[in-house]
Amino acid sequence: MHEDDSRGEGRTFPPAGLSVRWRGRRLLVHLTVAALSAAAGVGATVVTQHVMSSGSGPAGTPRDAAARPALNVQAVYRQVVPGIVDVTANLRYRQETAKGTGFVINAAAGLILTNNHVIDQATSVTVTLVTSGRTYPARVLGYDAADDIALLQVRGATRLTAVRTGDSSLAAVGTPVLAIGNEAGQGGSPTVAPGVISSLGRTIVASDQSAGLHETLYGVLQTSADIRPGDSGGPLADAAGRVIGIDTAAGGSTVYSGYAIPINQVLPIARQIAAGQGAGKNSAGKNSKVQIGLPAFLGVLLPDSTSSGPGQQDSQEPRQASAISGNSSDCTTASLSVAPAEVAPVRRGALVDGVLCGTVADQAGISAGDVITSFGGHDVTSPGSLTALLRRYHPGSRVPLAWTGPDGSPHTAVVSLTAGPAG
């Protein structure tokens, strides 16, 4: 049994009695964002290419070892675990699920923090209380993709317990920590990973080619704790059982490292979301990209192109028709963008690469090869302009749109926008 160990040399499984089992440390070439997604039962992870210091100065000065409180794994676990939940995100349009971790920050309001990449592209989310095993539907109150933070809310859940949060500005190199999470999405009792803070103010660049995720995170805590896929959104606690970070990524080229977003960066974003304050200037006077609730959704797949000409948009798209499965020739069940066989003969607009089955666009009769030319009474000049116009609306809005078919025929409709996937 190891009750006082901050070496970060493996994972522990702490059921009743804290019977500790250590695993050998893995050496990863790339940094992995610690969420777990699955399609047809196959797990996948997100990879980061770069880890660097931010502009905040040197990594930090180690504390005097005698001044650091010892890490009692059992005691910290018992304090934090009542506030931990497993998060399961249903990615309907990808036919996948993603699993991660979260923790309660306000029991009375049912507020739960997790990483944005855990719920990215989610159409529905559930949380399971690890202490009782009970599962509840969770509402996505909002998220900040740039800072990789999401705030969930559960209603009707009894006996919620909030974690205690600490002051991450007090963390220093050598501070003992404990990462807790839903490793591999296995559920049940969370696993724990002891370690120490090894660096401060790090910048990491992460990507997931399968999900199309790319993110740069600044000012993160680096730790020797063995953070793994499924841990994303879980708490990083100090020796006093206070949460000072949110587990987010793991990896390293020569020395294993885990990465957590400092709680002092996380809580202001959570408060902004809870207050319903979306994009614009936040309370600190900085530009915010917070999305309140789920975005309005049309259901079209657009080219990744800045061109205004549909023909050029088409030529820039890879030919991946075989990668898409569909219920008919007019819609697809997978959110993969492909180049259509024919393109509407118009000079500008947003080319439709595909339409997701059962969505507003599908019901309106829009198909691959169509070009959307007007939305909400405004001209659509490119895929980006359509995306920008869509952001002005909320789910439930009734919006007129116009498009041209590959045969040159004009079409119009008034559609009621639905709530789309997160992200």
Protein backbone atom coordinates (compact mmCIF):
# COMPACT_ATOMS: atom_id res chain seq x y z
CA MET A 1 0.00 0.00 0.00
CA HIS A 2 1.29 3.45 -0.92
CA GLU A 3 -0.45 6.22 0.99
CA ASP A 4 2.29 8.84 0.70
CA ASP A 5 3.91 8.80 -2.72
CA SER A 6 4.30 11.68 -5.18
CA ARG A 7 6.69 10.03 -7.62
CA GLY A 8 4.16 9.97 -10.47
CA GLU A 9 5.39 6.53 -11.55
CA GLY A 10 2.05 5.06 -12.47
CA ARG A 11 -1.67 4.83 -11.90
CA THR A 12 -3.49 3.58 -8.83
CA PHE A 13 -6.94 2.09 -8.53
CA PRO A 14 -8.42 3.20 -5.20
CA PRO A 15 -11.58 1.27 -4.29
CA ALA A 16 -12.59 0.80 -0.65
CA GLY A 17 -9.50 0.40 1.47
CA LEU A 18 -7.30 2.02 -1.20
CA SER A 19 -5.61 -1.13 -2.42
CA VAL A 20 -2.95 0.45 -4.60
CA ARG A 21 -1.75 -1.07 -7.85
CA TRP A 22 1.05 0.74 -9.70
CA ARG A 23 1.57 0.68 -13.43
CA GLY A 24 4.79 1.38 -15.25
CA ARG A 25 5.08 4.79 -16.87
CA ARG A 26 4.54 5.01 -20.62
CA LEU A 27 6.79 7.08 -22.86
CA LEU A 28 4.79 9.00 -25.44
CA VAL A 29 6.29 10.69 -28.46
CA HIS A 30 3.43 13.18 -28.75
CA LEU A 31 1.22 14.92 -26.25
CA THR A 32 -2.23 13.38 -25.94
CA VAL A 33 -5.35 15.33 -25.01
CA ALA A 34 -6.80 13.08 -22.37
CA ALA A 35 -10.29 12.36 -23.68
CA LEU A 36 -11.45 9.03 -25.01
CA SER A 37 -13.74 8.68 -28.01
CA ALA A 38 -15.07 5.52 -29.52
CA ALA A 39 -16.65 4.51 -32.81
CA ALA A 40 -17.93 0.95 -32.98
CA GLY A 41 -16.12 0.24 -29.75
CA VAL A 42 -12.70 1.45 -30.91
CA GLY A 43 -10.91 4.03 -28.75
CA ALA A 44 -9.06 7.06 -30.11
CA THR A 45 -6.99 9.88 -28.63
CA VAL A 46 -5.92 13.41 -29.51
CA VAL A 47 -2.28 14.22 -30.24
CA THR A 48 -0.30 17.40 -29.57
CA GLN A 49 2.70 18.39 -31.66
CA HIS A 50 4.37 21.07 -29.55
CA VAL A 51 5.07 21.86 -25.90
CA MET A 52 6.80 25.14 -25.12
CA SER A 53 7.16 27.74 -22.41
CA SER A 54 4.76 30.66 -22.61
CA GLY A 55 5.80 34.27 -22.28
CA SER A 56 5.23 34.20 -18.54
CA GLY A 57 8.88 33.66 -17.69
CA PRO A 58 10.89 30.73 -16.33
CA ALA A 59 9.28 27.50 -15.30
CA GLY A 60 9.58 28.25 -11.61
CA THR A 61 11.73 27.71 -8.56
CA PRO A 62 11.34 24.50 -6.52
CA ARG A 63 10.01 24.93 -3.04
CA ASP A 64 12.00 23.84 -0.04
CA ALA A 65 11.06 20.16 0.30
CA ALA A 66 10.62 20.57 4.05
CA ALA A 67 8.01 23.29 3.44
CA ARG A 68 5.89 21.14 1.12
CA PRO A 69 3.01 19.18 2.66
CA ALA A 70 3.26 15.43 2.09
CA LEU A 71 0.75 13.92 -0.30
CA ASN A 72 -1.51 11.37 1.39
CA VAL A 73 -3.15 9.73 -1.61
CA GLN A 74 -5.91 8.12 0.42
CA ALA A 75 -6.83 11.30 2.30
CA VAL A 76 -6.88 13.48 -0.83
CA TYR A 77 -8.88 10.91 -2.77
CA ARG A 78 -11.52 10.68 -0.05
CA GLN A 79 -11.91 14.46 0.00
CA VAL A 80 -12.21 14.93 -3.75
CA VAL A 81 -13.99 11.81 -5.05
CA PRO A 82 -17.52 12.75 -3.82
CA GLY A 83 -17.47 15.63 -6.29
CA ILE A 84 -16.30 13.65 -9.34
CA VAL A 85 -18.51 12.51 -12.23
CA ASP A 86 -17.94 10.46 -15.38
CA VAL A 87 -18.96 12.35 -18.52
CA THR A 88 -20.34 10.59 -21.61
CA ALA A 89 -20.97 12.63 -24.75
CA ASN A 90 -23.10 11.24 -27.57
CA LEU A 91 -21.73 12.41 -30.94
CA ARG A 92 -24.79 11.53 -32.99
CA TYR A 93 -23.53 12.81 -36.33
CA ARG A 94 -20.20 11.03 -35.94
CA GLN A 95 -21.85 7.85 -34.66
CA GLU A 96 -19.44 7.92 -31.73
CA THR A 97 -19.30 8.53 -28.01
CA ALA A 98 -16.63 10.40 -26.07
CA LYS A 99 -15.87 9.72 -22.43
CA GLY A 100 -14.10 11.87 -19.90
CA THR A 101 -14.37 13.21 -16.38
CA GLY A 102 -15.90 16.23 -14.65
CA PHE A 103 -16.26 17.64 -11.17
CA VAL A 104 -19.00 19.52 -9.33
CA ILE A 105 -18.26 23.16 -8.49
CA ASN A 106 -21.73 24.18 -7.27
CA ALA A 107 -23.86 21.43 -5.76
CA ALA A 108 -26.99 23.55 -5.24
CA ALA A 109 -27.07 24.63 -8.89
CA GLY A 110 -25.82 21.28 -10.24
CA LEU A 111 -22.87 22.89 -12.03
CA ILE A 112 -20.13 20.60 -13.37
CA LEU A 113 -16.83 21.52 -15.03
CA THR A 114 -15.15 19.48 -17.76
CA ASN A 115 -12.99 20.07 -20.84
CA ASN A 116 -14.59 21.39 -24.00
CA HIS A 117 -12.92 18.65 -26.04
CA VAL A 118 -14.80 16.04 -23.97
CA ILE A 119 -18.14 17.37 -25.28
CA ASP A 120 -16.98 18.68 -28.67
CA GLN A 121 -19.55 17.72 -31.35
CA ALA A 122 -21.86 16.27 -28.68
CA THR A 123 -25.59 16.23 -29.35
CA SER A 124 -26.38 14.98 -25.84
CA VAL A 125 -24.41 14.51 -22.62
CA THR A 126 -24.89 12.37 -19.52
CA VAL A 127 -23.00 12.34 -16.24
CA THR A 128 -22.62 9.50 -13.76
CA LEU A 129 -21.94 10.19 -10.10
CA VAL A 130 -19.02 7.96 -9.17
CA THR A 131 -20.13 7.64 -5.55
CA SER A 132 -23.64 6.34 -6.34
CA GLY A 133 -23.39 5.11 -9.93
CA ARG A 134 -26.51 7.07 -10.84
CA THR A 135 -26.63 8.63 -14.33
CA TYR A 136 -28.34 11.90 -15.21
CA PRO A 137 -28.81 13.87 -18.44
CA ALA A 138 -26.70 17.02 -18.45
CA ARG A 139 -27.43 20.33 -20.12
CA VAL A 140 -24.54 22.09 -21.83
CA LEU A 141 -24.74 25.57 -20.29
CA GLY A 142 -21.88 26.79 -22.46
CA TYR A 143 -18.28 26.34 -23.43
CA ASP A 144 -15.10 28.15 -24.42
CA ALA A 145 -13.36 26.17 -27.13
CA ALA A 146 -10.27 28.41 -27.10
CA ASP A 147 -9.65 27.74 -23.41
CA ASP A 148 -10.99 24.14 -23.54
CA ILE A 149 -13.56 24.66 -20.80
CA ALA A 150 -17.20 23.51 -20.70
CA LEU A 151 -19.84 23.96 -18.02
CA LEU A 152 -22.62 21.39 -17.59
CA GLN A 153 -25.71 21.38 -15.41
CA VAL A 154 -27.71 18.50 -13.98
CA ARG A 155 -31.15 18.87 -12.46
CA GLY A 156 -32.83 16.54 -10.03
CA ALA A 157 -29.61 14.91 -8.89
CA THR A 158 -29.60 14.32 -5.16
CA ARG A 159 -26.68 14.46 -2.77
CA LEU A 160 -24.33 16.32 -5.07
CA THR A 161 -21.10 17.37 -3.40
CA ALA A 162 -18.89 20.15 -4.72
CA VAL A 163 -15.11 19.88 -4.65
CA ARG A 164 -13.08 22.46 -2.78
CA THR A 165 -11.09 24.68 -5.11
CA GLY A 166 -7.70 26.12 -4.27
CA ASP A 167 -5.49 28.93 -5.55
CA SER A 168 -3.43 27.73 -8.51
CA SER A 169 -1.24 30.83 -8.34
CA LEU A 170 0.33 29.30 -5.22
CA ALA A 171 1.45 26.20 -7.11
CA ALA A 172 5.22 25.94 -7.52
CA VAL A 173 7.65 23.47 -8.98
CA GLY A 174 7.71 20.53 -6.59
CA THR A 175 4.15 20.99 -5.28
CA PRO A 176 2.67 17.48 -4.73
CA VAL A 177 -0.53 16.83 -6.69
CA LEU A 178 -2.99 14.04 -7.38
CA ALA A 179 -4.73 13.61 -10.75
CA ILE A 180 -8.05 11.74 -10.58
CA GLY A 181 -10.05 10.56 -13.58
CA ASN A 182 -12.11 8.08 -15.55
CA GLU A 183 -9.17 6.29 -17.16
CA ALA A 184 -10.04 4.65 -20.49
CA GLY A 185 -13.70 5.55 -19.94
CA GLN A 186 -14.05 2.45 -17.77
CA GLY A 187 -16.39 4.02 -15.21
CA GLY A 188 -16.62 2.85 -11.64
CA SER A 189 -14.09 3.99 -9.05
CA PRO A 190 -11.80 6.64 -10.54
CA THR A 191 -8.09 5.95 -10.83
CA VAL A 192 -5.51 8.23 -9.27
CA ALA A 193 -2.06 9.36 -10.34
CA PRO A 194 0.24 11.06 -7.82
CA GLY A 195 2.94 13.44 -9.00
CA VAL A 196 4.43 16.88 -8.53
CA ILE A 197 4.20 20.16 -10.42
CA SER A 198 7.24 20.13 -12.70
CA SER A 199 6.75 23.40 -14.59
CA LEU A 200 4.48 26.44 -14.78
CA GLY A 201 3.15 28.62 -17.58
CA ARG A 202 3.46 26.08 -20.37
CA THR A 203 1.97 26.37 -23.87
CA ILE A 204 0.78 23.20 -25.57
CA VAL A 205 -0.48 22.71 -29.13
CA ALA A 206 -2.87 19.80 -29.56
CA SER A 207 -4.66 18.22 -32.49
CA ASP A 208 -6.93 15.28 -33.20
CA GLN A 209 -6.90 14.40 -36.88
CA SER A 210 -9.86 12.04 -36.57
CA ALA A 211 -12.07 14.72 -34.98
CA GLY A 212 -10.51 17.73 -36.71
CA LEU A 213 -9.58 19.29 -33.36
CA HIS A 214 -6.74 21.80 -33.15
CA GLU A 215 -6.09 23.87 -30.04
CA THR A 216 -3.37 25.91 -28.36
CA LEU A 217 -3.55 26.24 -24.59
CA TYR A 218 -1.56 28.78 -22.61
CA GLY A 219 -0.33 28.98 -19.05
CA VAL A 220 -0.95 25.33 -18.20
CA LEU A 221 0.54 23.42 -15.29
CA GLN A 222 2.96 20.63 -16.16
CA THR A 223 3.05 17.66 -13.80
CA SER A 224 4.68 14.27 -13.47
CA ALA A 225 1.24 12.75 -12.69
CA ASP A 226 0.40 9.95 -15.14
CA ILE A 227 -2.64 11.56 -16.83
CA ARG A 228 -4.24 9.25 -19.40
CA PRO A 229 -7.10 9.17 -21.94
CA GLY A 230 -10.42 9.41 -20.10
CA ASP A 231 -8.98 11.72 -17.43
CA SER A 232 -9.88 14.88 -19.36
CA GLY A 233 -11.97 17.23 -17.27
CA GLY A 234 -10.94 15.57 -14.02
CA PRO A 235 -9.49 17.37 -11.01
CA LEU A 236 -5.82 17.93 -10.21
CA ALA A 237 -5.75 18.29 -6.43
CA ASP A 238 -3.09 19.50 -4.02
CA ALA A 239 -2.07 17.82 -0.77
CA ALA A 240 -4.89 19.59 1.08
CA GLY A 241 -7.51 18.09 -1.25
CA ARG A 242 -8.18 21.39 -3.03
CA VAL A 243 -8.59 21.32 -6.81
CA ILE A 244 -5.98 23.55 -8.45
CA GLY A 245 -6.32 22.40 -12.06
CA ILE A 246 -8.38 20.50 -14.61
CA ASP A 247 -6.63 17.48 -16.17
CA THR A 248 -6.36 18.05 -19.91
CA ALA A 249 -3.41 16.45 -21.71
CA ALA A 250 -0.51 14.05 -21.37
CA GLY A 251 2.64 12.96 -23.15
CA GLY A 252 6.23 13.99 -23.76
CA SER A 253 9.18 13.21 -26.00
CA THR A 254 11.83 12.33 -23.43
CA VAL A 255 10.22 12.77 -20.00
CA TYR A 256 6.58 11.85 -19.29
CA SER A 257 4.37 14.81 -18.37
CA GLY A 258 0.74 15.54 -17.68
CA TYR A 259 -0.88 18.92 -18.22
CA ALA A 260 -3.69 20.71 -16.39
CA ILE A 261 -5.37 24.07 -16.91
CA PRO A 262 -4.99 26.15 -13.70
CA ILE A 263 -8.22 26.52 -11.77
CA ASN A 264 -7.68 30.30 -11.56
CA GLN A 265 -8.06 30.40 -15.37
CA VAL A 266 -11.04 28.07 -15.35
CA LEU A 267 -13.37 29.54 -12.71
CA PRO A 268 -13.80 33.02 -14.28
CA ILE A 269 -14.89 31.34 -17.52
CA ALA A 270 -17.32 29.11 -15.61
CA ARG A 271 -18.78 32.14 -13.84
CA GLN A 272 -19.18 33.93 -17.18
CA ILE A 273 -21.03 30.94 -18.65
CA ALA A 274 -23.24 30.55 -15.57
CA ALA A 275 -24.15 34.24 -15.87
CA GLY A 276 -25.13 33.74 -19.51
CA GLN A 277 -22.49 36.13 -20.81
CA GLY A 278 -21.45 35.04 -24.29
CA ALA A 279 -18.98 36.33 -26.85
CA GLY A 280 -17.74 39.89 -26.40
CA LYS A 281 -15.84 41.55 -23.59
CA ASN A 282 -15.71 39.55 -20.40
CA SER A 283 -15.52 40.92 -16.84
CA ALA A 284 -11.74 41.29 -17.22
CA GLY A 285 -12.17 43.40 -20.33
CA LYS A 286 -10.73 40.73 -22.63
CA ASN A 287 -12.26 39.34 -25.80
CA SER A 288 -14.28 36.23 -25.07
CA LYS A 289 -15.39 33.44 -27.39
CA VAL A 290 -17.76 31.83 -24.93
CA GLN A 291 -20.76 30.05 -26.45
CA ILE A 292 -23.84 30.06 -24.25
CA GLY A 293 -25.83 26.87 -24.69
CA LEU A 294 -25.77 24.86 -27.89
CA PRO A 295 -25.45 26.76 -31.19
CA ALA A 296 -28.11 27.12 -33.88
CA PHE A 297 -27.78 24.36 -36.45
CA LEU A 298 -28.63 24.02 -40.13
CA GLY A 299 -27.06 20.63 -40.90
CA VAL A 300 -24.95 21.36 -43.99
CA LEU A 301 -21.32 20.32 -44.46
CA LEU A 302 -19.22 23.13 -45.91
CA PRO A 303 -15.81 23.20 -47.61
CA ASP A 304 -12.80 24.39 -45.67
CA SER A 305 -12.24 27.24 -48.11
CA THR A 306 -12.06 31.03 -48.01
CA SER A 307 -12.91 31.36 -51.71
CA SER A 308 -16.16 33.01 -52.76
CA GLY A 309 -16.40 30.89 -55.92
CA PRO A 310 -18.18 27.54 -55.48
CA GLY A 311 -16.13 26.04 -58.31
CA GLN A 312 -12.89 26.87 -56.51
CA GLN A 313 -14.33 25.65 -53.21
CA ASP A 314 -15.08 22.38 -54.96
CA SER A 315 -11.58 22.06 -56.46
CA GLN A 316 -9.99 22.50 -53.03
CA GLU A 317 -11.91 19.62 -51.48
CA PRO A 318 -10.44 16.10 -51.23
CA ARG A 319 -12.40 13.31 -52.91
CA GLN A 320 -13.60 11.19 -49.99
CA ALA A 321 -16.97 9.96 -51.21
CA SER A 322 -16.17 6.39 -50.15
CA ALA A 323 -15.61 7.56 -46.58
CA ILE A 324 -19.22 8.62 -46.09
CA SER A 325 -22.11 6.35 -45.25
CA GLY A 326 -25.65 7.55 -45.89
CA ASN A 327 -29.24 6.47 -45.55
CA SER A 328 -29.95 7.76 -49.06
CA SER A 329 -28.24 9.52 -51.92
CA ASP A 330 -29.34 12.89 -50.51
CA CYS A 331 -27.96 12.83 -46.97
CA THR A 332 -25.14 11.42 -44.90
CA THR A 333 -24.87 10.05 -41.38
CA ALA A 334 -21.20 10.95 -40.96
CA SER A 335 -19.86 14.49 -40.57
CA LEU A 336 -17.12 14.16 -43.18
CA SER A 337 -16.83 16.82 -45.84
CA VAL A 338 -16.47 15.64 -49.43
CA ALA A 339 -16.50 17.18 -52.89
CA PRO A 340 -19.86 16.76 -54.68
CA ALA A 341 -20.11 15.40 -58.21
CA GLU A 342 -21.81 18.54 -59.60
CA VAL A 343 -21.82 22.17 -58.46
CA ALA A 344 -24.49 24.83 -58.94
CA PRO A 345 -23.55 27.31 -61.69
CA VAL A 346 -23.35 30.49 -59.60
CA ARG A 347 -20.44 32.87 -59.07
CA ARG A 348 -20.48 33.05 -55.29
CA GLY A 349 -22.03 31.49 -52.23
CA ALA A 350 -21.40 28.56 -49.90
CA LEU A 351 -21.03 25.20 -51.59
CA VAL A 352 -22.83 22.35 -49.84
CA ASP A 353 -20.55 19.30 -49.61
CA GLY A 354 -23.17 17.22 -47.87
CA VAL A 355 -26.27 17.31 -45.68
CA LEU A 356 -26.68 15.44 -42.39
CA CYS A 357 -29.69 13.16 -42.30
CA GLY A 358 -32.72 14.35 -40.34
CA THR A 359 -31.51 17.94 -40.01
CA VAL A 360 -33.19 21.19 -41.02
CA ALA A 361 -31.23 21.28 -44.29
CA ASP A 362 -32.24 17.71 -45.12
CA GLN A 363 -35.91 18.46 -44.45
CA ALA A 364 -35.71 21.59 -46.63
CA GLY A 365 -34.43 19.53 -49.56
CA ILE A 366 -30.88 20.88 -49.73
CA SER A 367 -28.38 18.43 -51.26
CA ALA A 368 -24.67 18.12 -52.02
CA GLY A 369 -23.73 20.36 -54.92
CA ASP A 370 -26.25 23.06 -54.03
CA VAL A 371 -24.89 26.54 -53.29
CA ILE A 372 -26.50 28.62 -50.52
CA THR A 373 -26.68 32.23 -51.72
CA SER A 374 -28.75 33.96 -49.04
CA PHE A 375 -29.41 33.41 -45.34
CA GLY A 376 -31.58 35.58 -43.12
CA GLY A 377 -31.92 38.16 -45.86
CA HIS A 378 -28.15 38.57 -46.22
CA ASP A 379 -26.02 37.56 -49.17
CA VAL A 380 -23.82 34.52 -48.59
CA THR A 381 -20.45 35.09 -50.23
CA SER A 382 -18.43 32.14 -48.93
CA PRO A 383 -18.62 29.21 -46.50
CA GLY A 384 -17.22 31.47 -43.79
CA SER A 385 -19.88 34.12 -44.32
CA LEU A 386 -22.63 31.51 -43.90
CA THR A 387 -21.04 30.32 -40.68
CA ALA A 388 -20.82 33.90 -39.40
CA LEU A 389 -24.46 34.57 -40.27
CA LEU A 390 -25.57 31.37 -38.53
CA ARG A 391 -23.87 32.51 -35.30
CA ARG A 392 -26.26 35.45 -35.11
CA TYR A 393 -29.19 33.15 -34.46
CA HIS A 394 -30.36 30.92 -31.64
CA PRO A 395 -32.03 27.50 -31.79
CA GLY A 396 -35.70 27.97 -32.61
CA SER A 397 -35.14 30.97 -34.89
CA ARG A 398 -37.09 30.98 -38.15
CA VAL A 399 -34.80 32.09 -40.96
CA PRO A 400 -35.35 32.50 -44.72
CA LEU A 401 -32.66 31.07 -46.99
CA ALA A 402 -32.10 30.66 -50.70
CA TRP A 403 -29.97 28.26 -52.70
CA THR A 404 -29.31 27.18 -56.26
CA GLY A 405 -29.21 23.57 -57.43
CA PRO A 406 -26.60 21.98 -59.73
CA ASP A 407 -29.06 22.32 -62.61
CA GLY A 408 -29.32 26.07 -62.01
CA SER A 409 -32.78 25.94 -60.44
CA PRO A 410 -33.46 28.46 -57.62
CA HIS A 411 -34.96 27.40 -54.29
CA THR A 412 -36.18 29.20 -51.18
CA ALA A 413 -37.45 28.10 -47.77
CA VAL A 414 -38.03 29.39 -44.27
CA VAL A 415 -36.44 27.02 -41.77
CA SER A 416 -36.61 26.68 -38.01
CA LEU A 417 -33.06 26.25 -36.73
CA THR A 418 -32.45 23.50 -34.20
CA ALA A 419 -29.83 23.11 -31.48
CA GLY A 420 -26.68 21.74 -33.01
CA PRO A 421 -23.70 19.79 -31.69
CA ALA A 422 -21.41 21.53 -29.23
CA GLY A 423 -18.28 23.11 -30.66
